[in-house]
């Protein structure tokens, strides 16, 4: 039992000594806001091809109470419906 406690204490100590994650820069925030604005414009214009193009070929969307939507083409079809 003592070795397990020692290992657990060591892991916690190492984890506690890690530097905090870097903060987002203003450039990061601006880039994120631009993507959000672009997505909103795509959806408002019903430009589902451009919207779906933002997803990878193997992307998956999980919608509440519905089966998973898998793949860029199916995501675009789902958006168009």
Foldseek 3Di string as FASTA:
>chain_A
DVVVVVVVVVVVVVVVPDDDDDDDDPVNVVVVVVVVVVLVVCLVVVVLLVNLVVDDQFDWDDDPPDDIQGGSVSSSVVSND
